[in-house]
Protein backbone atom coordinates (compact mmCIF):
# COMPACT_ATOMS: atom_id res chain seq x y z
CA MET A 1 11.75 -8.21 92.87
CA HIS A 2 11.27 -8.24 89.09
CA PRO A 3 12.02 -11.83 87.91
CA GLY A 4 13.89 -10.70 84.80
CA ILE A 5 16.83 -8.74 86.27
CA ILE A 6 20.19 -10.37 85.55
CA ALA A 7 23.63 -9.19 86.67
CA VAL A 8 26.58 -10.46 84.62
CA GLY A 9 29.78 -10.33 86.62
CA ASN A 10 33.14 -11.80 87.53
CA ALA A 11 35.67 -10.16 89.82
CA LYS A 12 38.17 -10.29 86.94
CA GLY A 13 38.28 -8.35 83.70
CA GLY A 14 38.50 -9.71 80.18
CA VAL A 15 36.10 -12.63 80.65
CA GLY A 16 33.44 -11.53 78.17
CA LYS A 17 30.91 -9.84 80.45
CA THR A 18 30.14 -7.00 78.07
CA SER A 19 30.00 -9.22 74.98
CA ILE A 20 27.58 -11.55 76.74
CA VAL A 21 25.36 -8.69 77.92
CA ALA A 22 25.25 -7.12 74.46
CA ASN A 23 24.54 -10.33 72.57
CA VAL A 24 21.98 -11.78 74.99
CA ALA A 25 20.18 -8.42 75.10
CA GLY A 26 20.19 -8.16 71.30
CA ILE A 27 18.90 -11.70 70.80
CA ALA A 28 16.16 -11.25 73.42
CA ALA A 29 15.00 -8.04 71.72
CA LEU A 30 15.04 -9.76 68.34
CA ALA A 31 12.83 -12.49 69.86
CA GLY A 32 10.26 -9.87 70.89
CA TRP A 33 11.22 -9.28 74.52
CA ARG A 34 11.30 -5.72 75.79
CA VAL A 35 14.89 -5.36 77.00
CA LEU A 36 16.85 -2.84 79.05
CA ALA A 37 20.66 -3.13 79.22
CA ILE A 38 22.36 -1.21 82.03
CA ASP A 39 26.07 -0.42 81.83
CA LEU A 40 27.55 -0.09 85.33
CA ASP A 41 31.13 -0.08 84.07
CA PRO A 42 32.89 3.31 84.25
CA GLN A 43 34.75 2.24 81.10
CA GLY A 44 31.46 2.25 79.18
CA ASN A 45 32.45 -0.57 76.81
CA LEU A 46 28.86 -1.63 76.19
CA GLY A 47 28.60 1.40 73.91
CA THR A 48 31.32 -0.07 71.69
CA ASP A 49 29.71 -3.51 71.49
CA LEU A 50 26.28 -2.08 70.67
CA GLY A 51 27.62 0.68 68.43
CA TYR A 52 26.24 3.72 70.29
CA HIS A 53 29.52 4.92 71.80
CA ALA A 54 29.75 8.01 69.57
CA GLN A 55 26.03 8.81 69.51
CA PRO A 56 24.97 12.19 70.95
CA GLY A 57 22.58 10.48 73.39
CA ASN A 58 25.41 8.64 75.14
CA ASP A 59 25.87 10.63 78.36
CA GLU A 60 28.73 8.34 79.54
CA GLY A 61 27.10 7.53 82.88
CA GLU A 62 26.08 11.05 83.88
CA SER A 63 22.37 10.35 84.43
CA LEU A 64 23.16 7.08 86.19
CA ARG A 65 25.45 8.98 88.53
CA GLY A 66 22.70 11.54 89.16
CA ALA A 67 20.13 8.83 89.83
CA VAL A 68 22.30 7.20 92.50
CA LEU A 69 23.57 10.39 94.14
CA GLU A 70 20.64 12.76 93.72
CA ALA A 71 17.63 10.55 92.81
CA THR A 72 17.26 12.34 89.47
CA PRO A 73 15.63 10.59 86.47
CA VAL A 74 17.67 8.06 84.52
CA HIS A 75 18.36 8.87 80.88
CA LEU A 76 17.50 6.02 78.51
CA LEU A 77 19.05 5.60 75.10
CA ARG A 78 16.01 4.32 73.22
CA ASP A 79 15.93 1.61 70.56
CA VAL A 80 19.64 0.95 70.24
CA ARG A 81 18.13 -2.07 68.55
CA PRO A 82 14.36 -2.44 68.04
CA GLY A 83 13.04 -3.34 71.48
CA LEU A 84 16.37 -2.72 73.23
CA ASP A 85 16.95 0.37 75.38
CA VAL A 86 20.17 1.17 77.24
CA VAL A 87 21.22 3.07 80.35
CA PRO A 88 24.72 4.18 79.31
CA GLY A 89 27.71 3.83 81.60
CA GLY A 90 30.99 5.65 81.53
CA PRO A 91 33.45 7.74 83.53
CA ALA A 92 30.82 9.94 85.17
CA PHE A 93 29.36 6.95 87.00
CA ALA A 94 32.64 6.38 88.85
CA GLU A 95 31.67 9.25 91.14
CA ALA A 96 28.87 7.10 92.57
CA ILE A 97 31.13 4.30 93.85
CA THR A 98 31.68 5.78 97.30
CA SER A 99 27.96 6.33 97.75
CA LEU A 100 27.16 2.75 96.75
CA ALA A 101 29.70 1.46 99.26
CA SER A 102 27.77 3.09 102.10
CA SER A 103 24.28 2.64 100.64
CA PRO A 104 24.31 -0.31 98.16
CA GLY A 105 20.53 -0.57 98.05
CA THR A 106 20.32 2.76 96.23
CA LEU A 107 20.93 1.06 92.90
CA ALA A 108 18.00 -1.32 93.42
CA ARG A 109 15.74 1.64 94.15
CA THR A 110 16.92 3.18 90.88
CA ILE A 111 16.44 0.05 88.77
CA ASP A 112 13.15 -1.31 90.19
CA PRO A 113 10.87 1.38 88.66
CA LEU A 114 12.58 1.00 85.28
CA ALA A 115 12.30 -2.78 85.33
CA GLU A 116 8.52 -2.68 85.41
CA ASN A 117 8.53 -1.56 81.77
CA TYR A 118 10.66 -4.47 80.53
CA ASP A 119 10.65 -8.26 80.25
CA LEU A 120 14.40 -8.45 80.75
CA VAL A 121 16.90 -6.15 82.45
CA ILE A 122 20.53 -7.22 82.00
CA ILE A 123 23.34 -5.48 83.88
CA ASP A 124 26.96 -5.23 82.75
CA CYS A 125 29.08 -5.17 85.91
CA PRO A 126 32.60 -3.73 86.05
CA PRO A 127 35.63 -5.93 86.75
CA ALA A 128 37.38 -6.16 90.13
CA GLY A 129 34.19 -6.61 92.15
CA GLY A 130 33.66 -3.89 94.73
CA PRO A 131 30.64 -1.78 95.70
CA ILE A 132 29.16 -1.56 92.20
CA VAL A 133 29.03 -5.34 91.79
CA ASP A 134 27.60 -5.78 95.30
CA ALA A 135 24.92 -3.21 94.50
CA ALA A 136 24.14 -5.00 91.22
CA MET A 137 23.63 -8.31 93.02
CA ILE A 138 21.35 -6.63 95.55
CA ALA A 139 19.28 -5.25 92.66
CA SER A 140 19.09 -8.52 90.68
CA LYS A 141 17.16 -11.76 90.68
CA TRP A 142 19.90 -13.66 88.85
CA LEU A 143 23.69 -13.72 88.61
CA VAL A 144 25.57 -15.03 85.55
CA CYS A 145 29.34 -15.53 85.86
CA PRO A 146 31.50 -15.72 82.71
CA VAL A 147 34.86 -17.47 83.05
CA ARG A 148 37.88 -18.11 80.86
CA ALA A 149 40.36 -20.99 81.09
CA ASP A 150 42.88 -19.23 83.32
CA MET A 151 43.45 -19.21 87.06
CA ALA A 152 42.80 -15.47 87.46
CA SER A 153 39.38 -15.88 85.90
CA LEU A 154 38.58 -18.89 88.09
CA ASP A 155 39.72 -16.91 91.13
CA GLY A 156 37.34 -14.17 90.06
CA VAL A 157 34.42 -16.61 90.17
CA GLN A 158 35.47 -17.72 93.64
CA LEU A 159 35.53 -14.10 94.81
CA MET A 160 32.04 -13.57 93.38
CA ALA A 161 30.83 -16.71 95.18
CA ARG A 162 32.18 -15.38 98.48
CA ARG A 163 30.19 -12.16 98.04
CA PHE A 164 27.12 -13.95 96.66
CA GLY A 165 26.47 -15.90 99.87
CA PRO A 166 26.43 -12.99 102.34
CA ILE A 167 24.40 -10.79 99.98
CA ARG A 168 21.80 -13.51 99.49
CA GLN A 169 21.70 -14.23 103.22
CA SER A 170 21.28 -10.69 104.49
CA LEU A 171 20.49 -8.25 101.66
CA ASN A 172 18.74 -10.03 98.78
CA PRO A 173 17.29 -13.46 99.64
CA GLU A 174 15.76 -13.73 96.15
CA LEU A 175 19.15 -13.68 94.39
CA GLU A 176 19.96 -16.89 92.50
CA LEU A 177 23.05 -18.05 90.65
CA LEU A 178 21.71 -18.75 87.18
CA GLY A 179 24.92 -20.27 85.88
CA VAL A 180 28.47 -20.02 84.58
CA VAL A 181 29.40 -19.20 80.97
CA LEU A 182 32.64 -20.61 79.56
CA PHE A 183 33.99 -17.83 77.35
CA ASP A 184 36.69 -17.67 74.65
CA PHE A 185 37.43 -21.39 74.54
CA ALA A 186 39.06 -23.19 71.64
CA ARG A 187 36.61 -25.76 70.27
CA ASN A 188 39.21 -28.53 70.39
CA ALA A 189 40.33 -27.80 73.95
CA THR A 190 38.28 -30.67 75.37
CA ALA A 191 40.73 -31.51 78.16
CA ILE A 192 40.82 -27.89 79.35
CA LEU A 193 37.04 -27.66 79.18
CA ARG A 194 36.72 -30.81 81.27
CA ASP A 195 39.16 -29.51 83.89
CA VAL A 196 37.48 -26.10 84.07
CA ARG A 197 34.04 -27.67 84.48
CA ALA A 198 35.33 -29.92 87.27
CA THR A 199 37.03 -27.04 89.05
CA LEU A 200 33.95 -24.83 88.87
CA GLU A 201 31.60 -27.56 90.03
CA ALA A 202 33.88 -28.30 92.99
CA ASP A 203 34.34 -24.64 93.94
CA LEU A 204 30.65 -23.82 93.63
CA GLY A 205 29.42 -26.99 95.24
CA GLY A 206 27.32 -27.92 92.24
CA VAL A 207 24.93 -25.02 92.82
CA ALA A 208 25.62 -23.35 89.47
CA PRO A 209 25.05 -25.10 86.15
CA ILE A 210 27.47 -24.61 83.31
CA LEU A 211 25.34 -22.80 80.74
CA PRO A 212 25.27 -23.92 77.08
CA GLY A 213 28.34 -23.06 75.09
CA PRO A 214 31.15 -22.50 75.47
CA ILE A 215 31.48 -19.25 73.57
CA ARG A 216 34.17 -20.14 71.08
CA ARG A 217 37.43 -18.30 70.56
CA SER A 218 37.44 -16.12 67.45
CA GLU A 219 39.81 -13.17 67.70
CA ARG A 220 39.04 -11.93 64.20
CA SER A 221 35.28 -11.96 64.81
CA ALA A 222 35.63 -10.24 68.18
CA PHE A 223 37.84 -7.53 66.68
CA ASP A 224 35.53 -6.92 63.72
CA MET A 225 32.35 -6.93 65.82
CA ARG A 226 33.64 -4.26 68.20
CA ARG A 227 35.09 -2.17 65.39
CA MET A 228 31.77 -2.24 63.54
CA GLY A 229 29.45 -2.16 66.56
CA LEU A 230 27.83 -5.42 65.47
CA LEU A 231 26.44 -8.31 67.48
CA ALA A 232 27.37 -11.87 66.57
CA HIS A 233 24.20 -12.59 64.59
CA GLU A 234 24.55 -9.27 62.74
CA TYR A 235 28.18 -10.05 61.91
CA GLU A 236 27.07 -13.47 60.66
CA GLU A 237 24.62 -11.76 58.29
CA ARG A 238 27.47 -9.69 56.84
CA PHE A 239 29.55 -12.85 56.41
CA VAL A 240 26.71 -14.67 54.62
CA GLU A 241 26.09 -11.69 52.30
CA ALA A 242 29.79 -11.53 51.42
CA GLU A 243 29.89 -15.27 50.70
CA ARG A 244 26.98 -14.93 48.27
CA VAL A 245 29.06 -12.75 45.94
CA PRO A 246 30.25 -15.00 43.10
CA LEU A 247 33.93 -15.85 43.18
CA ALA A 248 34.46 -14.39 39.71
CA ASP A 249 33.06 -11.06 40.88
CA ARG A 250 35.32 -11.09 43.94
CA ILE A 251 38.36 -11.81 41.76
CA ALA A 252 37.42 -9.03 39.35
CA ALA A 253 36.94 -6.57 42.22
CA SER A 254 40.33 -7.54 43.65
CA ARG A 255 42.05 -6.99 40.31
CA SER A 256 40.46 -3.58 39.95
CA GLY A 257 41.78 -2.54 43.35
CA GLU A 258 38.42 -2.49 45.11
CA ALA A 259 38.57 -3.43 48.76
CA ALA A 260 36.13 -6.30 49.22
CA PRO A 261 34.94 -6.77 52.83
CA ARG A 262 36.24 -9.91 54.49
CA TYR A 263 34.72 -11.62 57.50
CA SER A 264 35.79 -14.44 59.78
CA ALA A 265 34.64 -17.91 58.72
CA SER A 266 33.84 -18.60 62.37
CA ALA A 267 30.98 -16.08 62.26
CA PRO A 268 28.14 -18.65 61.96
CA GLY A 269 29.53 -20.79 64.78
CA LEU A 270 30.00 -17.83 67.09
CA ALA A 271 26.49 -16.58 66.38
CA ALA A 272 25.15 -20.07 67.19
CA ASP A 273 27.06 -20.09 70.50
CA TYR A 274 25.46 -16.83 71.60
CA LEU A 275 22.03 -17.99 70.44
CA ASN A 276 22.31 -21.20 72.49
CA LEU A 277 23.40 -19.21 75.54
CA ALA A 278 20.63 -16.65 75.16
CA ASN A 279 18.00 -19.35 74.73
CA ALA A 280 19.12 -21.06 77.94
CA ILE A 281 19.11 -17.81 79.93
CA LEU A 282 15.75 -16.64 78.60
CA GLN A 283 14.18 -20.05 79.17
CA ARG A 284 15.34 -20.04 82.79
CA VAL A 285 13.90 -16.57 83.35
CA ASN A 286 10.68 -17.47 81.58
CA ASP A 287 10.29 -20.70 83.57
CA HIS A 288 10.59 -18.80 86.84
CA GLU A 289 7.79 -16.44 85.94
CA PRO A 290 6.29 -15.54 82.55
CA ALA A 291 7.55 -12.31 81.03
CA VAL A 292 5.37 -9.25 81.42
CA VAL A 293 3.09 -8.78 78.39
């Protein structure tokens, strides 16, 4: 088992799985790791977060479907960022769900040869659990569970925990729960954060640490980042550049009818949240076994 394969999942949608995969992958690549991101979601939203959705090389899960069903080579979208390759997901991959239900180890046999070329492989799992998520856990060394401050999201973590145990016991004894990510939390919601932490620690029996964060709530940043195909640190760079323009120049541009770009003031904080999370995840992976060089 390659020590750097991470599945990011929760049996509930809208908890930030794709955003976490995209940003951790991008930060790891920026730090010099060789990274492969794999999109197992038939919705293919990783392409929006990383900005390759409309690129000609995005096969929307077709080669991934072929690899699982027919053992054909997997198509890689190279250098989506320097050092970051992607296996695209999308509607075509949905055809592989039935096959994975009967033969969940097929995905591991697909991923293992690819993983040898990378320091980190991070997998974006679809919502609602099911055969794809089971197959991802069988193929992975680590599981990361994002959670929001709502009961449906907490229930999703509980469902993942119920599948985690049997898979670790009988199908992948090397699987470990790396931790839980608190996602989309208001920075002043200290009472909610405290309650969520207590609930998770009780439900998971203390076996999963709460990873650094939480990832703060910033609807404007999240909207802009997906619209532009930017990661949090890239969006922060745009914000900083815009702030460097002298106020007088911005006023003059506004009076002349020029549309000056505007960015969320929470950009630096959000970028810092993702950086702290990525550092914690990469350190845990690196401590287990040094990255391949």
